[in-house]
Amino acid sequence: MDIRINDSDKITMTHTGLLPGKTGKVIHVCFERMTDCRDDYAEIVLPSRNVVSSRGFDEGEIAQLQLYLKDQEKNIIKNAKQINHDLIFKL
């Protein structure tokens, strides 16, 4: 599969730390893209890569974001654990 996201459409990714979910800990990952006409948004949960909500991204782009998350899952989990660690020690 050829993964292409236009360079002119800058996408920002943010994520939470580890959060309690129904079947274990989860991470909510948000993708945002601002265009001239609208603000696009997608929220996907790790580790399942299920889409919580989406606005403006088409099905092919969502599939590309899910593939990106599959590839980057270990790094995102590592960063999410660090967020939790930092919060605990700042309290």
C-alpha atoms as a PDB file:
ATOM      1  CA  MET A   1       0.000   0.000   0.000  1.00  0.00           C
ATOM      2  CA  ASP A   2       1.334   3.417  -0.946  1.00  0.00           C
ATOM      3  CA  ILE A   3       1.059   5.865   1.951  1.00  0.00           C
ATOM      4  CA  ARG A   4       0.667   9.448   0.774  1.00  0.00           C
ATOM      5  CA  ILE A   5      -0.432  12.435   2.749  1.00  0.00           C
ATOM      6  CA  ASN A   6       0.025  15.758   0.971  1.00  0.00           C
ATOM      7  CA  ASP A   7       2.859  17.874   2.345  1.00  0.00           C
ATOM      8  CA  SER A   8       0.624  20.917   2.105  1.00  0.00           C
ATOM      9  CA  ASP A   9      -1.752  19.270   4.593  1.00  0.00           C
ATOM     10  CA  LYS A  10       0.320  19.381   7.769  1.00  0.00           C
ATOM     11  CA  ILE A  11      -1.017  16.894  10.299  1.00  0.00           C
ATOM     12  CA  THR A  12      -0.405  17.313  14.011  1.00  0.00           C
ATOM     13  CA  MET A  13      -0.484  14.235  16.219  1.00  0.00           C
ATOM     14  CA  THR A  14      -0.978  14.363  19.982  1.00  0.00           C
ATOM     15  CA  HIS A  15      -1.678  11.586  22.460  1.00  0.00           C
ATOM     16  CA  THR A  16      -2.604  11.002  26.051  1.00  0.00           C
ATOM     17  CA  GLY A  17      -0.738   9.067  28.653  1.00  0.00           C
ATOM     18  CA  LEU A  18      -1.990   5.605  29.619  1.00  0.00           C
ATOM     19  CA  LEU A  19      -5.676   5.721  30.533  1.00  0.00           C
ATOM     20  CA  PRO A  20      -7.896   3.016  32.044  1.00  0.00           C
ATOM     21  CA  GLY A  21     -10.082   1.322  29.439  1.00  0.00           C
ATOM     22  CA  LYS A  22     -12.692  -1.434  29.497  1.00  0.00           C
ATOM     23  CA  THR A  23     -10.163  -4.178  28.744  1.00  0.00           C
ATOM     24  CA  GLY A  24      -6.944  -2.584  29.982  1.00  0.00           C
ATOM     25  CA  LYS A  25      -4.954   0.580  29.486  1.00  0.00           C
ATOM     26  CA  VAL A  26      -5.439   2.629  26.331  1.00  0.00           C
ATOM     27  CA  ILE A  27      -3.939   5.687  24.662  1.00  0.00           C
ATOM     28  CA  HIS A  28      -6.044   8.206  22.752  1.00  0.00           C
ATOM     29  CA  VAL A  29      -4.230   9.553  19.698  1.00  0.00           C
ATOM     30  CA  CYS A  30      -5.524  12.668  17.935  1.00  0.00           C
ATOM     31  CA  PHE A  31      -4.652  13.827  14.434  1.00  0.00           C
ATOM     32  CA  GLU A  32      -5.503  17.372  13.379  1.00  0.00           C
ATOM     33  CA  ARG A  33      -5.148  19.146  10.060  1.00  0.00           C
ATOM     34  CA  MET A  34      -6.128  22.741   9.294  1.00  0.00           C
ATOM     35  CA  THR A  35      -7.102  23.590   5.745  1.00  0.00           C
ATOM     36  CA  ASP A  36      -8.489  26.784   4.245  1.00  0.00           C
ATOM     37  CA  CYS A  37     -12.049  25.466   4.424  1.00  0.00           C
ATOM     38  CA  ARG A  38     -12.140  23.370   7.574  1.00  0.00           C
ATOM     39  CA  ASP A  39     -10.356  21.736  10.483  1.00  0.00           C
ATOM     40  CA  ASP A  40      -9.998  17.965  10.113  1.00  0.00           C
ATOM     41  CA  TYR A  41      -9.817  15.740  13.167  1.00  0.00           C
ATOM     42  CA  ALA A  42      -9.453  12.037  13.914  1.00  0.00           C
ATOM     43  CA  GLU A  43      -9.218  10.311  17.286  1.00  0.00           C
ATOM     44  CA  ILE A  44      -7.962   6.726  17.329  1.00  0.00           C
ATOM     45  CA  VAL A  45      -7.401   4.479  20.346  1.00  0.00           C
ATOM     46  CA  LEU A  46      -4.337   2.321  20.853  1.00  0.00           C
ATOM     47  CA  PRO A  47      -3.769  -0.593  20.996  1.00  0.00           C
ATOM     48  CA  SER A  48      -6.953  -1.498  19.083  1.00  0.00           C
ATOM     49  CA  ARG A  49      -6.563   1.305  16.491  1.00  0.00           C
ATOM     50  CA  ASN A  50     -10.350   1.809  16.603  1.00  0.00           C
ATOM     51  CA  VAL A  51     -11.605   5.190  15.440  1.00  0.00           C
ATOM     52  CA  VAL A  52     -13.427   7.079  18.216  1.00  0.00           C
ATOM     53  CA  SER A  53     -14.353  10.055  16.051  1.00  0.00           C
ATOM     54  CA  SER A  54     -13.407  11.519  12.706  1.00  0.00           C
ATOM     55  CA  ARG A  55     -14.189  14.665  10.760  1.00  0.00           C
ATOM     56  CA  GLY A  56     -12.692  15.627   7.393  1.00  0.00           C
ATOM     57  CA  PHE A  57     -10.379  12.645   6.860  1.00  0.00           C
ATOM     58  CA  ASP A  58     -11.605  10.214   4.189  1.00  0.00           C
ATOM     59  CA  GLU A  59     -11.567   6.427   4.630  1.00  0.00           C
ATOM     60  CA  GLY A  60      -8.249   6.038   2.815  1.00  0.00           C
ATOM     61  CA  GLU A  61      -6.592   8.643   5.014  1.00  0.00           C
ATOM     62  CA  ILE A  62      -7.967   6.986   8.154  1.00  0.00           C
ATOM     63  CA  ALA A  63      -6.497   3.677   6.956  1.00  0.00           C
ATOM     64  CA  GLN A  64      -3.147   5.421   6.446  1.00  0.00           C
ATOM     65  CA  LEU A  65      -3.283   6.875   9.952  1.00  0.00           C
ATOM     66  CA  GLN A  66      -4.052   3.434  11.364  1.00  0.00           C
ATOM     67  CA  LEU A  67      -1.075   1.968   9.483  1.00  0.00           C
ATOM     68  CA  TYR A  68       1.112   4.759  10.838  1.00  0.00           C
ATOM     69  CA  LEU A  69      -0.059   3.925  14.367  1.00  0.00           C
ATOM     70  CA  LYS A  70       0.676   0.242  13.811  1.00  0.00           C
ATOM     71  CA  ASP A  71       4.210   1.131  12.752  1.00  0.00           C
ATOM     72  CA  GLN A  72       4.781   3.652  15.583  1.00  0.00           C
ATOM     73  CA  GLU A  73       2.865   1.870  18.358  1.00  0.00           C
ATOM     74  CA  LYS A  74       5.916   0.945  20.473  1.00  0.00           C
ATOM     75  CA  ASN A  75       7.251   4.513  20.412  1.00  0.00           C
ATOM     76  CA  ILE A  76       3.865   6.004  21.249  1.00  0.00           C
ATOM     77  CA  ILE A  77       3.386   3.589  24.161  1.00  0.00           C
ATOM     78  CA  LYS A  78       6.869   4.441  25.439  1.00  0.00           C
ATOM     79  CA  ASN A  79       6.072   8.168  25.271  1.00  0.00           C
ATOM     80  CA  ALA A  80       2.673   7.635  26.936  1.00  0.00           C
ATOM     81  CA  LYS A  81       4.339   5.787  29.818  1.00  0.00           C
ATOM     82  CA  GLN A  82       6.739   8.698  30.209  1.00  0.00           C
ATOM     83  CA  ILE A  83       3.815  11.129  30.390  1.00  0.00           C
ATOM     84  CA  ASN A  84       2.322   9.084  33.235  1.00  0.00           C
ATOM     85  CA  HIS A  85       5.701   8.855  34.973  1.00  0.00           C
ATOM     86  CA  ASP A  86       6.272  12.621  34.749  1.00  0.00           C
ATOM     87  CA  LEU A  87       2.786  13.398  36.076  1.00  0.00           C
ATOM     88  CA  ILE A  88       3.183  11.086  39.068  1.00  0.00           C
ATOM     89  CA  PHE A  89       6.471  12.656  40.116  1.00  0.00           C
ATOM     90  CA  LYS A  90       5.224  16.243  39.663  1.00  0.00           C
ATOM     91  CA  LEU A  91       2.286  15.763  42.055  1.00  0.00           C
END
